[in-house]
Amino acid sequence: MDLKRLQHILDVAASKRLLVIGDLMLDEFVWGNVSRISPEAPVPVVEVEKESSYPGGAANVARNLREFTSSVTMLGVIGSDQAGLKLTNLLQQEGISTEGLFTDPDVPTIVKTRIIAQRQQVVRFDRDHRATPGSVRSDILGKARDLVSRADAVLIEDYGKGFLDQGLVTEVIRAAKESGTIVTSDPSPKNPLEWTGIATIKPNRSEAFAAAGMPLTPPVYPVEKDEALMEVGRILLQRWQAGALLITLSEQGMMLFRPGQSPYHTPTRAREIFDVSGAGDTSISLYTLGIASGAEPHEAAELANHAAGIVVGKLGTAICSRMELEESFQNSDQ
């Protein structure tokens, strides 16, 4: 895909309405330096310089999309706590609609705190609670139907934390079919769900092998010769009856499977890797935005791959901009 085609797709994307559904988290970062070892234990002493917070989990997907379109809505659950309030404020500051946010006093907000020193993650603290929303479940279903009917595309981001269940996924896909809305998903192996009729589903390599019930095998070079991967793609396309299956392959890039067509491989675009956290969020975000904006599946895969290559070169819960994406495509053509 050349630069002119990319710019056309991104121009169309600016007017698209995206709905993100999934597990919400608050990502916290403590930044500092290490110059000594603690006298109390053989651990580094991090001298804190600054702290920052970002929307995480499915909210990071919404952040990625918001860089390219002004209409992004989040559907999910937060706790009635300070972390939930902070996450809501951060989403609003990013220009992401919180119309679909529900507060459940029995479901604490998930918080992940990372300690970073000299551009390296020292440790991560998780305040992680897997819980299914109770009293607000029926309200969520009603709101989901309403928001789906007003969206051009729906992205379901599952981190396996309890928000998504088969009932909600089935209802979203049914409502989307009625309104002609595209649905994509980034699944979780912790939460095996059926995705029958979905436009595209994006597992990573290990998730795909697990979902297909096949033992994980080492990557094969070149990837087109990876017979186990090809079999996984065939099995999952048939099981989920999906329009497409995009498997992310880390340093091997991505492989796109479609019914009746040969697999399409796009090699990695990453030049430097500092932090892979959030790369999957970026991949599914740009892929979904692409197909919602008229891109062919292989073009959307290229969008996703370039964007992922950009964010892994950054530290923290990162996103990519339109300028960075255009520069990446321009450099790849030279």
Protein backbone atom coordinates (compact mmCIF):
# COMPACT_ATOMS: atom_id res chain seq x y z
CA MET A 1 0.00 0.00 0.00
CA ASP A 2 1.45 3.36 -1.01
CA LEU A 3 1.37 6.61 0.95
CA LYS A 4 -1.45 8.13 -1.12
CA ARG A 5 -3.73 5.16 -0.42
CA LEU A 6 -2.87 5.32 3.29
CA GLN A 7 -3.75 9.02 3.46
CA HIS A 8 -7.09 8.38 1.76
CA ILE A 9 -7.98 5.66 4.28
CA LEU A 10 -6.99 7.88 7.22
CA ASP A 11 -8.99 10.80 5.80
CA VAL A 12 -12.08 8.56 5.68
CA ALA A 13 -11.31 7.24 9.19
CA ALA A 14 -11.59 10.73 10.69
CA SER A 15 -15.39 10.63 10.36
CA LYS A 16 -15.95 7.08 11.58
CA ARG A 17 -17.72 6.22 14.85
CA LEU A 18 -15.99 3.52 16.89
CA LEU A 19 -17.27 1.64 19.93
CA VAL A 20 -14.84 -0.22 22.20
CA ILE A 21 -16.18 -2.90 24.56
CA GLY A 22 -14.06 -4.67 27.16
CA ASP A 23 -12.11 -4.83 30.41
CA LEU A 24 -11.05 -1.42 31.72
CA MET A 25 -7.83 -0.76 33.64
CA LEU A 26 -5.80 2.12 34.98
CA ASP A 27 -2.14 2.01 33.97
CA GLU A 28 0.18 3.78 36.40
CA PHE A 29 3.88 4.47 35.83
CA VAL A 30 6.51 5.47 38.37
CA TRP A 31 9.62 6.79 36.60
CA GLY A 32 13.02 7.09 38.24
CA ASN A 33 16.69 6.17 38.34
CA VAL A 34 18.71 3.48 40.08
CA SER A 35 22.14 4.34 41.46
CA ARG A 36 22.48 1.96 44.41
CA ILE A 37 21.33 -1.31 45.94
CA SER A 38 19.25 -1.25 49.09
CA PRO A 39 21.15 -2.02 52.33
CA GLU A 40 18.00 -3.80 53.53
CA ALA A 41 17.82 -6.39 50.76
CA PRO A 42 19.54 -7.14 47.42
CA VAL A 43 17.12 -4.99 45.44
CA PRO A 44 17.61 -1.72 43.51
CA VAL A 45 16.57 1.57 45.10
CA VAL A 46 14.53 3.58 42.59
CA GLU A 47 14.75 7.32 43.12
CA VAL A 48 11.38 8.56 41.84
CA GLU A 49 11.40 11.47 39.39
CA LYS A 50 7.81 11.52 38.15
CA GLU A 51 4.56 9.58 38.00
CA SER A 52 2.01 9.27 35.21
CA SER A 53 -1.28 7.48 34.52
CA TYR A 54 -3.04 6.36 31.35
CA PRO A 55 -6.23 4.52 30.38
CA GLY A 56 -5.30 0.84 30.12
CA GLY A 57 -6.74 -2.44 28.94
CA ALA A 58 -9.65 -1.88 26.55
CA ALA A 59 -9.36 1.84 27.33
CA ASN A 60 -5.92 1.83 25.70
CA VAL A 61 -7.60 0.57 22.52
CA ALA A 62 -9.93 3.57 22.69
CA ARG A 63 -6.89 5.83 23.12
CA ASN A 64 -5.29 4.40 20.00
CA LEU A 65 -8.43 4.99 17.98
CA ARG A 66 -8.92 8.52 19.28
CA GLU A 67 -5.71 9.58 17.51
CA PHE A 68 -7.47 9.05 14.18
CA THR A 69 -11.15 9.81 14.76
CA SER A 70 -13.03 12.14 17.08
CA SER A 71 -15.88 9.70 17.76
CA VAL A 72 -14.80 6.93 20.13
CA THR A 73 -17.08 5.54 22.85
CA MET A 74 -16.09 3.18 25.68
CA LEU A 75 -18.39 0.48 27.11
CA GLY A 76 -17.18 -1.16 30.31
CA VAL A 77 -17.32 -1.29 34.09
CA ILE A 78 -15.28 0.56 36.72
CA GLY A 79 -15.39 0.43 40.50
CA SER A 80 -16.79 3.14 42.73
CA ASP A 81 -13.28 4.04 43.88
CA GLN A 82 -10.58 6.65 43.29
CA ALA A 83 -9.00 4.62 40.51
CA GLY A 84 -12.32 4.45 38.68
CA LEU A 85 -12.81 8.19 39.02
CA LYS A 86 -9.27 8.84 37.79
CA LEU A 87 -9.78 6.54 34.80
CA THR A 88 -13.03 8.28 33.89
CA ASN A 89 -11.35 11.68 34.03
CA LEU A 90 -8.45 10.47 31.89
CA LEU A 91 -10.83 9.12 29.24
CA GLN A 92 -12.72 12.41 29.16
CA GLN A 93 -9.46 14.35 28.86
CA GLU A 94 -8.58 12.19 25.85
CA GLY A 95 -11.90 13.09 24.23
CA ILE A 96 -13.31 9.56 24.58
CA SER A 97 -17.03 9.32 25.34
CA THR A 98 -17.80 7.74 28.72
CA GLU A 99 -21.49 7.30 27.89
CA GLY A 100 -21.05 3.53 28.17
CA LEU A 101 -19.20 3.48 31.50
CA PHE A 102 -20.96 1.71 34.35
CA THR A 103 -19.99 1.85 38.02
CA ASP A 104 -20.31 -1.31 40.09
CA PRO A 105 -19.47 -1.05 43.82
CA ASP A 106 -18.73 -4.79 43.91
CA VAL A 107 -16.12 -4.67 41.10
CA PRO A 108 -12.95 -2.74 42.07
CA THR A 109 -11.14 -0.92 39.28
CA ILE A 110 -8.13 -2.87 37.99
CA VAL A 111 -4.85 -0.98 38.46
CA LYS A 112 -1.45 -1.95 37.07
CA THR A 113 1.53 0.00 38.44
CA ARG A 114 4.88 -0.24 36.64
CA ILE A 115 8.20 0.95 38.10
CA ILE A 116 10.53 2.16 35.33
CA ALA A 117 14.22 2.99 35.82
CA GLN A 118 16.77 3.75 33.09
CA ARG A 119 14.17 2.86 30.45
CA GLN A 120 13.72 -0.61 31.95
CA GLN A 121 10.73 -1.99 33.82
CA VAL A 122 11.91 -3.01 37.29
CA VAL A 123 8.68 -4.49 38.64
CA ARG A 124 4.92 -4.35 38.13
CA PHE A 125 2.23 -4.33 40.82
CA ASP A 126 -1.25 -5.57 39.85
CA ARG A 127 -4.41 -4.78 41.76
CA ASP A 128 -6.29 -7.31 39.72
CA HIS A 129 -9.75 -8.65 40.47
CA ARG A 130 -11.62 -10.96 38.12
CA ALA A 131 -15.29 -10.29 38.72
CA THR A 132 -18.47 -10.37 36.66
CA PRO A 133 -20.70 -7.27 36.92
CA GLY A 134 -23.87 -8.19 38.76
CA SER A 135 -26.53 -5.57 39.36
CA VAL A 136 -25.71 -3.58 36.19
CA ARG A 137 -25.61 -6.53 33.75
CA SER A 138 -29.07 -5.92 32.24
CA ASP A 139 -28.32 -2.21 31.90
CA ILE A 140 -25.08 -3.06 30.07
CA LEU A 141 -26.92 -5.21 27.53
CA GLY A 142 -29.42 -2.44 26.80
CA LYS A 143 -26.71 0.18 26.44
CA ALA A 144 -24.66 -2.16 24.22
CA ARG A 145 -27.55 -2.56 21.78
CA ASP A 146 -28.03 1.22 21.65
CA LEU A 147 -24.34 2.05 21.15
CA VAL A 148 -23.81 -0.69 18.53
CA SER A 149 -26.65 0.71 16.43
CA ARG A 150 -24.89 4.10 16.34
CA ALA A 151 -21.39 2.84 15.51
CA ASP A 152 -19.61 2.13 12.24
CA ALA A 153 -17.45 -0.50 13.91
CA VAL A 154 -17.28 -2.28 17.27
CA LEU A 155 -14.05 -3.57 18.77
CA ILE A 156 -14.30 -6.14 21.58
CA GLU A 157 -11.15 -6.23 23.72
CA ASP A 158 -11.07 -9.17 26.13
CA TYR A 159 -8.44 -9.32 28.88
CA GLY A 160 -10.25 -12.15 30.66
CA LYS A 161 -11.14 -10.05 33.70
CA GLY A 162 -14.84 -10.96 33.83
CA PHE A 163 -16.63 -8.17 31.96
CA LEU A 164 -17.24 -10.13 28.77
CA ASP A 165 -19.36 -13.25 28.71
CA GLN A 166 -21.01 -15.25 25.95
CA GLY A 167 -24.36 -13.51 26.41
CA LEU A 168 -22.89 -10.04 25.88
CA VAL A 169 -20.74 -11.10 22.91
CA THR A 170 -23.65 -12.88 21.20
CA GLU A 171 -25.93 -9.89 21.71
CA VAL A 172 -23.34 -7.45 20.34
CA ILE A 173 -22.76 -9.56 17.21
CA ARG A 174 -26.52 -9.95 16.69
CA ALA A 175 -27.16 -6.22 17.09
CA ALA A 176 -24.27 -5.44 14.76
CA LYS A 177 -25.65 -7.74 12.09
CA GLU A 178 -29.00 -5.94 12.26
CA SER A 179 -27.40 -2.51 11.87
CA GLY A 180 -24.66 -3.49 9.40
CA THR A 181 -21.91 -2.68 11.89
CA ILE A 182 -18.45 -4.26 11.64
CA VAL A 183 -17.32 -6.25 14.71
CA THR A 184 -13.73 -7.26 15.50
CA SER A 185 -12.22 -8.86 18.58
CA ASP A 186 -8.95 -9.35 20.44
CA PRO A 187 -9.72 -12.52 22.47
CA SER A 188 -8.35 -13.86 25.74
CA PRO A 189 -7.37 -17.52 26.28
CA LYS A 190 -8.56 -17.12 29.87
CA ASN A 191 -12.10 -16.57 28.64
CA PRO A 192 -12.92 -19.02 25.81
CA LEU A 193 -15.89 -17.60 23.92
CA GLU A 194 -17.49 -18.40 20.57
CA TRP A 195 -17.24 -15.61 17.97
CA THR A 196 -19.44 -17.00 15.21
CA GLY A 197 -20.13 -14.43 12.51
CA ILE A 198 -17.50 -11.89 13.57
CA ALA A 199 -15.74 -9.84 10.86
CA THR A 200 -12.21 -10.34 12.19
CA ILE A 201 -10.62 -11.85 15.28
CA LYS A 202 -7.00 -11.16 16.30
CA PRO A 203 -5.26 -13.60 18.63
CA ASN A 204 -1.50 -13.75 19.04
CA ARG A 205 0.35 -16.94 18.15
CA SER A 206 0.08 -18.69 21.53
CA GLU A 207 -3.59 -17.68 21.92
CA ALA A 208 -4.39 -19.01 18.45
CA PHE A 209 -2.76 -22.39 19.12
CA ALA A 210 -4.60 -22.66 22.46
CA ALA A 211 -7.95 -21.77 20.88
CA ALA A 212 -7.41 -24.36 18.14
CA GLY A 213 -6.53 -27.03 20.71
CA MET A 214 -3.08 -27.59 19.23
CA PRO A 215 0.24 -27.75 21.11
CA LEU A 216 2.32 -24.61 20.68
CA THR A 217 5.26 -25.17 18.35
CA PRO A 218 8.34 -23.00 17.77
CA PRO A 219 8.14 -20.45 14.94
CA VAL A 220 9.28 -21.62 11.51
CA TYR A 221 11.30 -19.49 9.09
CA PRO A 222 10.08 -18.50 6.59
CA VAL A 223 6.67 -18.23 8.21
CA GLU A 224 4.90 -19.39 5.04
CA LYS A 225 6.44 -22.83 5.69
CA ASP A 226 4.94 -23.06 9.20
CA GLU A 227 2.53 -25.95 8.64
CA ALA A 228 1.27 -25.94 12.24
CA LEU A 229 0.37 -22.25 12.01
CA MET A 230 -1.44 -22.82 8.72
CA GLU A 231 -3.47 -25.60 10.31
CA VAL A 232 -4.36 -23.37 13.26
CA GLY A 233 -5.58 -20.70 10.86
CA ARG A 234 -7.74 -23.21 9.01
CA ILE A 235 -9.27 -24.61 12.21
CA LEU A 236 -10.13 -21.21 13.69
CA LEU A 237 -11.61 -19.79 10.49
CA GLN A 238 -13.90 -22.81 10.30
CA ARG A 239 -14.81 -22.75 14.00
CA TRP A 240 -15.59 -19.05 14.27
CA GLN A 241 -16.93 -18.60 10.71
CA ALA A 242 -15.08 -15.30 10.75
CA GLY A 243 -14.56 -13.03 7.78
CA ALA A 244 -10.86 -12.93 8.63
CA LEU A 245 -8.36 -14.12 11.22
CA LEU A 246 -5.32 -11.96 11.96
CA ILE A 247 -2.63 -13.73 14.01
CA THR A 248 0.13 -11.52 15.40
CA LEU A 249 3.52 -13.25 15.37
CA SER A 250 5.84 -10.95 17.35
CA GLU A 251 9.14 -10.59 15.45
CA GLN A 252 7.61 -12.39 12.45
CA GLY A 253 4.94 -9.73 11.91
CA MET A 254 1.37 -10.87 11.20
CA MET A 255 -0.46 -13.50 9.17
CA LEU A 256 -3.93 -12.82 7.76
CA PHE A 257 -6.22 -15.77 7.01
CA ARG A 258 -9.42 -15.45 4.95
CA PRO A 259 -11.83 -18.12 3.69
CA GLY A 260 -11.00 -19.27 0.19
CA GLN A 261 -7.81 -17.18 -0.08
CA SER A 262 -4.13 -17.78 0.46
CA PRO A 263 -2.72 -16.54 3.80
CA TYR A 264 -1.22 -13.05 3.62
CA HIS A 265 1.98 -12.37 5.56
CA THR A 266 3.18 -8.89 6.50
CA PRO A 267 6.68 -8.88 8.10
CA THR A 268 7.43 -6.87 11.22
CA ARG A 269 8.07 -3.15 10.81
CA ALA A 270 9.68 -2.67 14.23
CA ARG A 271 13.18 -1.17 14.12
CA GLU A 272 13.81 -0.98 17.87
CA ILE A 273 11.92 -2.71 20.65
CA PHE A 274 11.73 -1.10 24.08
CA ASP A 275 8.33 -2.24 25.35
CA VAL A 276 5.83 -4.67 23.81
CA SER A 277 3.02 -3.80 26.24
CA GLY A 278 0.04 -2.41 24.35
CA ALA A 279 1.24 -3.53 20.90
CA GLY A 280 -1.72 -5.89 20.57
CA ASP A 281 -4.10 -3.05 21.45
CA THR A 282 -2.58 -0.92 18.70
CA SER A 283 -2.74 -3.75 16.15
CA ILE A 284 -6.45 -4.46 16.54
CA SER A 285 -7.25 -0.74 16.79
CA LEU A 286 -5.68 0.18 13.46
CA TYR A 287 -6.93 -2.96 11.73
CA THR A 288 -10.51 -2.21 12.80
CA LEU A 289 -10.23 1.44 11.85
CA GLY A 290 -8.87 0.40 8.47
CA ILE A 291 -11.67 -1.96 7.48
CA ALA A 292 -14.26 0.50 8.83
CA SER A 293 -12.76 3.09 6.48
CA GLY A 294 -12.87 1.00 3.33
CA ALA A 295 -9.47 -0.68 3.46
CA GLU A 296 -9.15 -4.22 2.15
CA PRO A 297 -8.24 -6.74 4.88
CA HIS A 298 -4.64 -7.00 3.68
CA GLU A 299 -4.36 -3.19 3.68
CA ALA A 300 -5.77 -3.06 7.21
CA ALA A 301 -3.21 -5.68 8.25
CA GLU A 302 -0.45 -3.43 6.90
CA LEU A 303 -1.86 -0.50 8.89
CA ALA A 304 -1.89 -2.62 12.04
CA ASN A 305 1.62 -3.91 11.47
CA HIS A 306 3.17 -0.48 10.88
CA ALA A 307 1.42 0.96 13.93
CA ALA A 308 2.56 -1.91 16.17
CA GLY A 309 6.12 -1.42 14.93
CA ILE A 310 5.94 2.19 16.07
CA VAL A 311 4.59 1.61 19.59
CA VAL A 312 7.04 -1.16 20.53
CA GLY A 313 9.78 1.44 20.08
CA LYS A 314 8.29 3.48 22.92
CA LEU A 315 8.14 2.95 26.67
CA GLY A 316 4.87 2.70 28.55
CA THR A 317 1.27 2.44 27.34
CA ALA A 318 2.05 4.04 23.99
CA ILE A 319 0.03 5.02 20.93
CA CYS A 320 1.05 6.14 17.44
CA SER A 321 0.08 9.31 15.59
CA ARG A 322 -0.98 9.84 12.00
CA MET A 323 2.33 11.57 11.28
CA GLU A 324 4.31 8.61 12.62
CA LEU A 325 2.22 6.19 10.59
CA GLU A 326 2.71 8.17 7.38
CA GLU A 327 6.46 8.38 8.01
CA SER A 328 6.62 4.61 8.57
CA PHE A 329 4.91 3.89 5.25
CA GLN A 330 7.03 6.49 3.45
CA ASN A 331 10.26 4.97 4.82
CA SER A 332 9.19 1.46 3.87
CA ASP A 333 8.77 2.55 0.23
CA GLN A 334 12.28 4.01 -0.02
